[in-house]
C-alpha cells in the first residue's frame, strides 16, 4: 500500500528531473564561462556558442523524437536520449578540445530534447483535464527551482580545479532520470495515428497538429507568453544595470526572486484548478499580466522609481506560473493521438518564437526601457487575443 501511494510522487519527481535537465544544462555552467574560456584558450564570447549549439540541438531534436515516441512508445526514445546525454556529459568533462566540446554540446542538446518532449507527452498520456494542468504546474514548480539553485552551484564550482564537476553533476542528474525511467515511469499511450516512422508519417503528424484550430491557438498562447519572459531576460541586463545602476550581485538576486514568484503562483494554481476550469484561470492570468504590463509602461513614461517598475515586472512574470502549465495541458489535450508530435512541435515553436522576439528586441534597442516593456506587453496582447477569439470546435470539449 505504501509503495502504491509513493508511485505518483516518484513519477512526478522523475518527470520533474527530466523537465529540468534542459535548463540546468545551461544555467549551471554559465558562471564557469570565464575559467572554461581560459582552459580551452578561446575568447569568452566563443563560449556562448556552446549554449547556442545546445539550444539548436534541443529545438531540432524535438521535431524527430516527438513522432518517434508516437511510434515506438515513450520509454525507448527516452532511455536512448538519456544514455547519450550521460555519455556526452562525461565526454565534456574529459575533453581538452574546444571543437569537440562544441560537437558534444550539440549532441547533448539533441539527446536532451527527448526529456522535454516525452515528459510532456507522458503527462498527457497519464492525466486528463484539470489533473493534467495540475501535474504540469507541479513540474513547472520543480523546474522553477533550477534558475535559483543551478547558478549558485555553478558559481561555487567555477574555478580551474572544479568546473569539470558541473558536467559530472549533469551526468548524475540524467542518471537519476534514467533510473526513474527504468523503475517507475509507465510507457504511456503512444499515438495510434502515426503508423510508421518515415517522412510521410512525420509530415502527416505535424499536418494534423497544424490543421487543429484549438491546438494552434493554445500553442500560440503558450509560445508567445514564453516569449514575453525571454524579452524580459534579454532586455533586463541593460535596463536594470545601465539605466537603473543595479549591481551584478543585485541583478542575480532579483532574478532569483522573479523565479520564486513563478513558483509561488504555480502553487496557487494547483489550488485554483480544484475549483475552476483551466481556460478560466489562464484567461484571468493573462488579463492580470496585461494590467501589470501597462503599469510598467506608465512607470517608465512618468520616470517612476525602480522599485515600482520591479514590482510590476515581478507581478507580470509571476503569471507565467499558471499560464505556461495550463496552456501546455490545453494544447496537448486537443490531439491525444499525436501527443508526442504535438509536444515536439510546441517545443520547437517556443524556441523559434523566443528567437524571433529577442531578435526584434535587439533591433528596437534605443537606450531606453521602452523596447523591453512594449515587447512584453505586445506578447500578452497577442496571447490573450488568441485565447479569447479562438475558433471553437470539438477539440474544446476535451478540457471540459
Protein backbone atom coordinates (compact mmCIF):
# COMPACT_ATOMS: atom_id res chain seq x y z
CA UNK A 1 0.00 0.00 0.00
CA UNK A 2 2.81 2.38 0.91
CA UNK A 3 4.58 1.62 -2.39
CA UNK A 4 1.36 2.32 -4.27
CA UNK A 5 0.98 5.66 -2.50
CA UNK A 6 4.58 6.60 -3.35
CA UNK A 7 4.21 5.73 -7.04
CA UNK A 8 2.52 9.02 -8.14
CA UNK A 9 5.11 11.03 -6.18
CA UNK A 10 8.02 9.13 -7.73
CA UNK A 11 6.54 9.57 -11.22
CA UNK A 12 6.17 13.32 -10.66
CA UNK A 13 9.72 13.65 -9.29
CA UNK A 14 11.13 11.71 -12.25
CA UNK A 15 9.21 13.87 -14.71
CA UNK A 16 10.42 16.95 -12.81
CA UNK A 17 14.05 15.86 -13.22
CA UNK A 18 13.52 15.22 -16.93
CA UNK A 19 11.86 18.62 -17.39
CA UNK A 20 14.66 20.46 -15.57
CA UNK A 21 17.57 18.83 -17.42
CA UNK A 22 17.41 21.32 -20.30
CA UNK A 23 17.56 24.47 -18.16
CA UNK A 24 20.14 23.03 -15.75
CA UNK A 25 22.36 22.17 -18.73
CA UNK A 26 22.56 25.91 -19.42
CA UNK A 27 22.04 27.73 -16.11
CA UNK A 28 24.57 25.74 -14.11
CA UNK A 29 27.64 26.25 -16.23
CA UNK A 30 27.15 29.89 -17.27
CA UNK A 31 29.16 31.14 -14.23
CA UNK A 32 32.08 28.93 -15.37
CA UNK A 33 32.44 30.62 -18.78
CA UNK A 34 35.47 32.63 -17.68
CA UNK A 35 37.52 29.70 -16.37
CA UNK A 36 36.41 27.46 -19.25
CA UNK A 37 37.49 30.03 -21.84
CA UNK A 38 40.88 30.14 -20.12
CA UNK A 39 41.11 26.33 -20.08
CA UNK A 40 40.19 25.94 -23.76
CA UNK A 41 42.22 29.05 -24.72
CA UNK A 42 39.34 30.75 -26.56
CA UNK A 43 37.74 34.21 -26.11
CA UNK A 44 34.91 34.15 -23.59
CA UNK A 45 32.47 35.28 -26.28
CA UNK A 46 33.07 31.97 -28.09
CA UNK A 47 31.79 30.09 -25.04
CA UNK A 48 28.35 31.44 -25.90
CA UNK A 49 28.45 29.20 -28.99
CA UNK A 50 28.24 26.17 -26.70
CA UNK A 51 24.87 27.45 -25.47
CA UNK A 52 23.65 28.27 -28.99
CA UNK A 53 24.51 24.79 -30.27
CA UNK A 54 22.90 23.13 -27.26
CA UNK A 55 19.67 25.10 -27.80
CA UNK A 56 19.74 24.33 -31.53
CA UNK A 57 20.11 20.63 -30.72
CA UNK A 58 17.21 20.84 -28.26
CA UNK A 59 14.97 22.54 -30.81
CA UNK A 60 15.95 20.37 -33.80
CA UNK A 61 15.87 17.07 -31.91
CA UNK A 62 12.31 17.52 -30.68
CA UNK A 63 10.93 17.52 -34.22
CA UNK A 64 12.14 13.94 -34.72
CA UNK A 65 11.81 12.49 -31.22
CA UNK A 66 8.14 13.51 -30.94
CA UNK A 67 6.93 11.34 -33.87
CA UNK A 68 9.43 8.65 -32.83
CA UNK A 69 7.75 8.38 -29.43
CA UNK A 70 4.35 8.12 -31.13
CA UNK A 71 5.58 5.00 -32.98
CA UNK A 72 7.99 3.30 -30.57
CA UNK A 73 6.39 4.31 -27.29
CA UNK A 74 7.71 6.84 -24.79
CA UNK A 75 10.33 4.93 -22.82
CA UNK A 76 12.62 3.60 -25.57
CA UNK A 77 13.47 7.02 -27.10
CA UNK A 78 13.76 8.44 -23.58
CA UNK A 79 16.22 5.73 -22.49
CA UNK A 80 18.29 6.23 -25.63
CA UNK A 81 18.28 10.01 -25.19
CA UNK A 82 19.28 9.87 -21.52
CA UNK A 83 22.04 7.33 -22.19
CA UNK A 84 23.55 9.51 -24.94
CA UNK A 85 23.19 12.61 -22.73
CA UNK A 86 25.13 10.89 -19.93
CA UNK A 87 27.93 9.85 -22.30
CA UNK A 88 28.16 13.38 -23.73
CA UNK A 89 28.28 14.91 -20.24
CA UNK A 90 31.19 12.66 -19.25
CA UNK A 91 32.94 13.39 -22.56
CA UNK A 92 32.52 17.17 -22.00
CA UNK A 93 34.18 16.72 -18.63
CA UNK A 94 37.16 14.85 -20.12
CA UNK A 95 37.81 16.68 -23.40
CA UNK A 96 40.51 19.30 -23.86
CA UNK A 97 39.40 20.24 -27.39
CA UNK A 98 37.04 23.19 -27.79
CA UNK A 99 35.91 21.94 -31.21
CA UNK A 100 34.97 18.59 -29.69
CA UNK A 101 33.18 20.41 -26.86
CA UNK A 102 31.03 22.23 -29.43
CA UNK A 103 30.11 18.95 -31.13
CA UNK A 104 29.36 17.28 -27.80
CA UNK A 105 27.12 20.12 -26.65
CA UNK A 106 25.11 19.89 -29.88
CA UNK A 107 24.68 16.10 -29.47
CA UNK A 108 23.88 16.64 -25.79
CA UNK A 109 21.11 19.02 -26.86
CA UNK A 110 19.74 16.51 -29.37
CA UNK A 111 19.69 13.79 -26.71
CA UNK A 112 18.31 16.10 -24.02
CA UNK A 113 15.39 17.07 -26.25
CA UNK A 114 13.92 13.62 -25.57
CA UNK A 115 13.44 14.65 -21.94
CA UNK A 116 11.46 17.76 -22.91
CA UNK A 117 9.20 16.10 -25.47
CA UNK A 118 8.48 12.84 -23.72
CA UNK A 119 7.92 14.27 -20.23
CA UNK A 120 5.12 16.45 -21.64
CA UNK A 121 3.69 13.61 -23.73
CA UNK A 122 3.69 11.26 -20.73
CA UNK A 123 1.72 13.70 -18.61
CA UNK A 124 -0.85 13.95 -21.40
CA UNK A 125 -0.96 10.13 -21.62
CA UNK A 126 -1.46 9.61 -17.90
CA UNK A 127 -3.69 12.52 -16.88
CA UNK A 128 -6.60 14.45 -18.34
CA UNK A 129 -8.30 17.83 -17.90
CA UNK A 130 -7.57 19.81 -14.75
CA UNK A 131 -5.50 16.93 -13.38
CA UNK A 132 -3.09 17.24 -16.31
CA UNK A 133 -2.83 21.00 -15.72
CA UNK A 134 -2.19 20.28 -12.02
CA UNK A 135 0.72 17.94 -12.83
CA UNK A 136 2.16 20.35 -15.40
CA UNK A 137 2.07 23.03 -12.68
CA UNK A 138 3.96 20.78 -10.26
CA UNK A 139 6.59 20.22 -12.95
CA UNK A 140 6.75 23.99 -13.52
CA UNK A 141 7.35 24.48 -9.78
CA UNK A 142 10.14 21.87 -9.75
CA UNK A 143 11.64 23.42 -12.87
CA UNK A 144 11.42 26.87 -11.29
CA UNK A 145 13.96 25.82 -8.68
CA UNK A 146 16.57 25.39 -11.44
CA UNK A 147 17.27 29.09 -12.20
CA UNK A 148 17.63 29.66 -8.44
CA UNK A 149 19.93 26.78 -7.48
CA UNK A 150 21.79 26.00 -10.71
CA UNK A 151 23.70 29.33 -10.97
CA UNK A 152 24.57 29.07 -7.26
CA UNK A 153 26.04 25.59 -7.75
CA UNK A 154 27.81 26.80 -10.88
CA UNK A 155 29.26 29.75 -9.01
CA UNK A 156 30.63 27.52 -6.24
CA UNK A 157 32.35 25.23 -8.77
CA UNK A 158 33.61 27.93 -11.14
CA UNK A 159 37.36 27.63 -10.82
CA UNK A 160 40.10 25.80 -12.70
CA UNK A 161 40.09 22.77 -10.41
CA UNK A 162 36.34 22.14 -10.10
CA UNK A 163 34.46 23.35 -13.22
CA UNK A 164 34.53 19.86 -14.77
CA UNK A 165 32.36 18.63 -11.91
CA UNK A 166 29.50 20.67 -13.38
CA UNK A 167 29.28 18.18 -16.24
CA UNK A 168 29.55 15.33 -13.74
CA UNK A 169 26.50 16.74 -11.95
CA UNK A 170 24.67 16.82 -15.30
CA UNK A 171 25.58 13.15 -15.81
CA UNK A 172 24.41 12.20 -12.31
CA UNK A 173 21.14 14.12 -12.69
CA UNK A 174 20.38 12.46 -16.04
CA UNK A 175 21.38 9.12 -14.48
CA UNK A 176 18.71 9.69 -11.83
CA UNK A 177 16.25 10.40 -14.63
CA UNK A 178 17.27 7.18 -16.39
CA UNK A 179 16.85 5.21 -13.16
CA UNK A 180 13.37 6.66 -12.72
CA UNK A 181 12.57 5.85 -16.34
CA UNK A 182 13.59 2.22 -15.83
CA UNK A 183 11.84 1.72 -12.49
CA UNK A 184 8.79 3.97 -12.04
CA UNK A 185 7.73 5.56 -15.33
CA UNK A 186 4.96 3.81 -17.27
CA UNK A 187 5.27 3.64 -21.05
CA UNK A 188 2.24 5.87 -21.59
CA UNK A 189 -0.04 5.56 -24.59
CA UNK A 190 1.73 6.12 -27.89
CA UNK A 191 -0.42 7.79 -30.52
CA UNK A 192 -2.07 5.28 -32.81
CA UNK A 193 -2.27 7.68 -35.75
CA UNK A 194 1.45 7.52 -36.61
CA UNK A 195 1.94 4.03 -38.05
CA UNK A 196 5.45 4.22 -39.49
CA UNK A 197 8.47 6.37 -38.83
CA UNK A 198 9.08 7.84 -42.28
CA UNK A 199 8.84 11.25 -43.89
CA UNK A 200 5.18 10.74 -44.81
CA UNK A 201 4.26 9.70 -41.28
CA UNK A 202 6.08 12.64 -39.71
CA UNK A 203 4.55 15.05 -42.23
CA UNK A 204 1.07 13.66 -41.52
CA UNK A 205 1.55 14.01 -37.76
CA UNK A 206 2.59 17.66 -37.96
CA UNK A 207 -0.07 18.35 -40.59
CA UNK A 208 -2.77 17.12 -38.20
CA UNK A 209 -1.40 19.40 -35.48
CA UNK A 210 -1.40 22.47 -37.72
CA UNK A 211 -4.92 21.71 -39.01
CA UNK A 212 -6.37 21.76 -35.49
CA UNK A 213 -7.55 25.34 -34.72
CA UNK A 214 -7.62 24.71 -30.98
CA UNK A 215 -4.09 23.30 -30.97
CA UNK A 216 -2.75 26.25 -32.97
CA UNK A 217 -4.45 28.78 -30.69
CA UNK A 218 -3.34 27.21 -27.42
CA UNK A 219 0.17 26.60 -28.78
CA UNK A 220 0.44 30.26 -29.81
CA UNK A 221 -0.76 31.39 -26.36
CA UNK A 222 1.99 29.35 -24.71
CA UNK A 223 4.74 30.23 -27.19
CA UNK A 224 4.02 33.97 -27.16
CA UNK A 225 3.68 34.05 -23.36
CA UNK A 226 7.01 32.27 -23.08
CA UNK A 227 8.49 34.85 -25.48
CA UNK A 228 7.43 37.65 -23.12
CA UNK A 229 9.68 36.07 -20.49
CA UNK A 230 12.55 35.87 -22.99
CA UNK A 231 12.05 39.56 -23.80
CA UNK A 232 12.48 40.29 -20.10
CA UNK A 233 15.55 38.03 -19.85
CA UNK A 234 17.16 39.64 -22.90
CA UNK A 235 16.32 43.26 -22.12
CA UNK A 236 16.67 43.38 -18.34
CA UNK A 237 20.51 43.28 -18.12
CA UNK A 238 20.70 46.61 -19.98
CA UNK A 239 17.61 48.15 -18.36
CA UNK A 240 18.47 47.16 -14.80
CA UNK A 241 22.26 47.59 -14.78
CA UNK A 242 22.68 50.50 -17.19
CA UNK A 243 19.52 52.58 -16.72
CA UNK A 244 18.93 51.90 -13.02
CA UNK A 245 22.53 51.19 -11.87
CA UNK A 246 21.74 47.78 -10.39
CA UNK A 247 24.91 45.87 -9.45
CA UNK A 248 25.67 42.38 -10.80
CA UNK A 249 25.05 40.82 -7.38
CA UNK A 250 21.74 42.66 -7.02
CA UNK A 251 20.79 41.61 -10.55
CA UNK A 252 21.34 37.93 -9.72
CA UNK A 253 19.28 38.27 -6.54
CA UNK A 254 16.46 40.00 -8.45
CA UNK A 255 16.24 37.17 -10.97
CA UNK A 256 16.13 34.60 -8.18
CA UNK A 257 13.18 36.48 -6.67
CA UNK A 258 11.41 36.54 -10.05
CA UNK A 259 11.76 32.75 -10.20
CA UNK A 260 10.33 32.50 -6.68
CA UNK A 261 7.28 34.46 -7.87
CA UNK A 262 6.62 31.93 -10.64
CA UNK A 263 6.93 29.06 -8.16
CA UNK A 264 4.54 30.78 -5.72
CA UNK A 265 1.82 31.38 -8.34
CA UNK A 266 2.31 27.83 -9.57
CA UNK A 267 1.42 26.59 -6.08
CA UNK A 268 -1.66 28.83 -6.08
CA UNK A 269 -2.60 27.43 -9.50
CA UNK A 270 -2.69 23.88 -8.12
CA UNK A 271 -5.31 25.06 -5.61
CA UNK A 272 -7.36 27.03 -8.14
CA UNK A 273 -7.52 24.05 -10.51
CA UNK A 274 -9.63 22.23 -7.93
CA UNK A 275 -12.36 24.85 -8.28
CA UNK A 276 -12.08 26.48 -11.73
CA UNK A 277 -11.61 25.41 -15.35
CA UNK A 278 -8.14 25.62 -16.86
CA UNK A 279 -9.19 28.15 -19.51
CA UNK A 280 -10.80 30.46 -16.94
CA UNK A 281 -7.65 30.60 -14.79
CA UNK A 282 -5.48 31.18 -17.86
CA UNK A 283 -7.72 33.98 -19.12
CA UNK A 284 -7.61 35.95 -15.88
CA UNK A 285 -3.86 35.39 -15.51
CA UNK A 286 -3.35 36.94 -18.96
CA UNK A 287 -5.67 39.85 -18.11
CA UNK A 288 -3.70 40.48 -14.91
CA UNK A 289 -0.50 40.31 -16.95
CA UNK A 290 -1.94 42.87 -19.38
CA UNK A 291 -2.66 45.25 -16.48
CA UNK A 292 0.81 44.88 -14.93
CA UNK A 293 2.42 45.33 -18.36
CA UNK A 294 0.56 48.62 -18.73
CA UNK A 295 1.82 49.52 -15.26
CA UNK A 296 5.43 49.05 -16.39
CA UNK A 297 4.86 51.33 -19.38
CA UNK A 298 3.37 54.04 -17.14
CA UNK A 299 6.27 53.82 -14.67
CA UNK A 300 8.76 54.38 -17.48
CA UNK A 301 6.70 57.17 -19.08
CA UNK A 302 6.48 59.11 -15.80
CA UNK A 303 10.09 58.29 -14.77
CA UNK A 304 8.87 56.36 -11.76
CA UNK A 305 11.16 54.70 -9.21
CA UNK A 306 12.90 51.40 -9.94
CA UNK A 307 11.16 49.54 -7.12
CA UNK A 308 7.78 50.27 -8.75
CA UNK A 309 8.98 49.02 -12.15
CA UNK A 310 10.39 45.91 -10.47
CA UNK A 311 7.11 45.30 -8.63
CA UNK A 312 5.11 45.35 -11.87
CA UNK A 313 7.74 43.16 -13.58
CA UNK A 314 7.56 40.68 -10.68
CA UNK A 315 3.76 40.51 -10.92
CA UNK A 316 3.90 40.23 -14.72
CA UNK A 317 6.31 37.29 -14.75
CA UNK A 318 4.60 35.59 -11.81
CA UNK A 319 1.58 34.99 -14.02
CA UNK A 320 3.66 32.50 -16.01
CA UNK A 321 3.17 30.16 -13.04
CA UNK A 322 -0.39 29.32 -14.17
CA UNK A 323 -0.17 30.35 -17.86
CA UNK A 324 2.60 28.01 -19.05
CA UNK A 325 1.46 24.72 -17.45
CA UNK A 326 -2.23 25.39 -18.15
CA UNK A 327 -1.71 26.11 -21.84
CA UNK A 328 0.54 23.05 -22.09
CA UNK A 329 -2.32 20.91 -20.80
CA UNK A 330 -4.77 22.64 -23.15
CA UNK A 331 -2.86 22.19 -26.39
CA UNK A 332 -1.80 18.59 -25.70
CA UNK A 333 -5.37 17.59 -24.82
CA UNK A 334 -6.60 18.59 -28.29
CA UNK A 335 -4.55 15.88 -30.06
CA UNK A 336 -4.24 12.76 -27.87
CA UNK A 337 -3.36 10.57 -30.88
CA UNK A 338 -0.40 12.83 -31.74
CA UNK A 339 0.72 13.92 -28.27
CA UNK A 340 4.41 13.18 -28.92
CA UNK A 341 4.40 15.13 -32.18
CA UNK A 342 2.32 17.93 -30.63
CA UNK A 343 4.76 18.18 -27.72
CA UNK A 344 7.69 18.34 -30.14
CA UNK A 345 6.06 20.99 -32.31
CA UNK A 346 5.32 23.33 -29.42
CA UNK A 347 8.84 22.85 -28.07
CA UNK A 348 10.38 23.94 -31.35
CA UNK A 349 7.78 26.71 -31.76
CA UNK A 350 8.66 28.09 -28.32
CA UNK A 351 12.35 28.26 -29.18
CA UNK A 352 11.59 29.82 -32.58
CA UNK A 353 9.23 32.47 -31.19
CA UNK A 354 11.70 33.32 -28.42
CA UNK A 355 14.45 33.70 -31.03
CA UNK A 356 12.26 36.00 -33.16
CA UNK A 357 11.14 38.11 -30.20
CA UNK A 358 14.65 38.60 -28.86
CA UNK A 359 15.89 39.45 -32.37
CA UNK A 360 13.17 42.09 -32.72
CA UNK A 361 14.05 43.44 -29.29
CA UNK A 362 17.68 43.84 -30.35
CA UNK A 363 16.63 45.72 -33.49
CA UNK A 364 14.39 48.08 -31.47
CA UNK A 365 17.11 48.92 -28.94
CA UNK A 366 17.18 52.70 -28.37
CA UNK A 367 18.89 53.05 -24.97
CA UNK A 368 15.54 53.13 -23.13
CA UNK A 369 13.37 50.54 -21.40
CA UNK A 370 10.50 51.01 -23.86
CA UNK A 371 11.50 48.21 -26.30
CA UNK A 372 11.57 45.63 -23.49
CA UNK A 373 8.28 46.56 -21.82
CA UNK A 374 6.37 47.17 -25.06
CA UNK A 375 7.55 43.81 -26.42
CA UNK A 376 6.40 42.07 -23.24
CA UNK A 377 3.05 43.88 -23.32
CA UNK A 378 2.53 43.11 -27.02
CA UNK A 379 3.20 39.41 -26.39
CA UNK A 380 0.48 39.42 -23.73
CA UNK A 381 -2.00 41.18 -26.05
CA UNK A 382 -1.37 38.55 -28.75
CA UNK A 383 -1.64 35.66 -26.27
CA UNK A 384 -4.88 36.96 -24.76
CA UNK A 385 -6.35 37.58 -28.22
CA UNK A 386 -5.56 34.00 -29.28
CA UNK A 387 -7.25 32.66 -26.15
CA UNK A 388 -10.37 34.86 -26.32
CA UNK A 389 -11.02 34.78 -30.05
CA UNK A 390 -10.11 31.19 -30.88
CA UNK A 391 -12.36 29.24 -33.23
CA UNK A 392 -14.43 26.81 -31.20
CA UNK A 393 -14.72 23.21 -32.39
CA UNK A 394 -14.93 19.72 -30.99
CA UNK A 395 -11.36 19.93 -29.65
CA UNK A 396 -12.56 22.27 -26.91
CA UNK A 397 -14.66 19.53 -25.40
CA UNK A 398 -11.62 17.62 -24.16
CA UNK A 399 -10.88 20.05 -21.33
CA UNK A 400 -14.43 20.39 -20.05
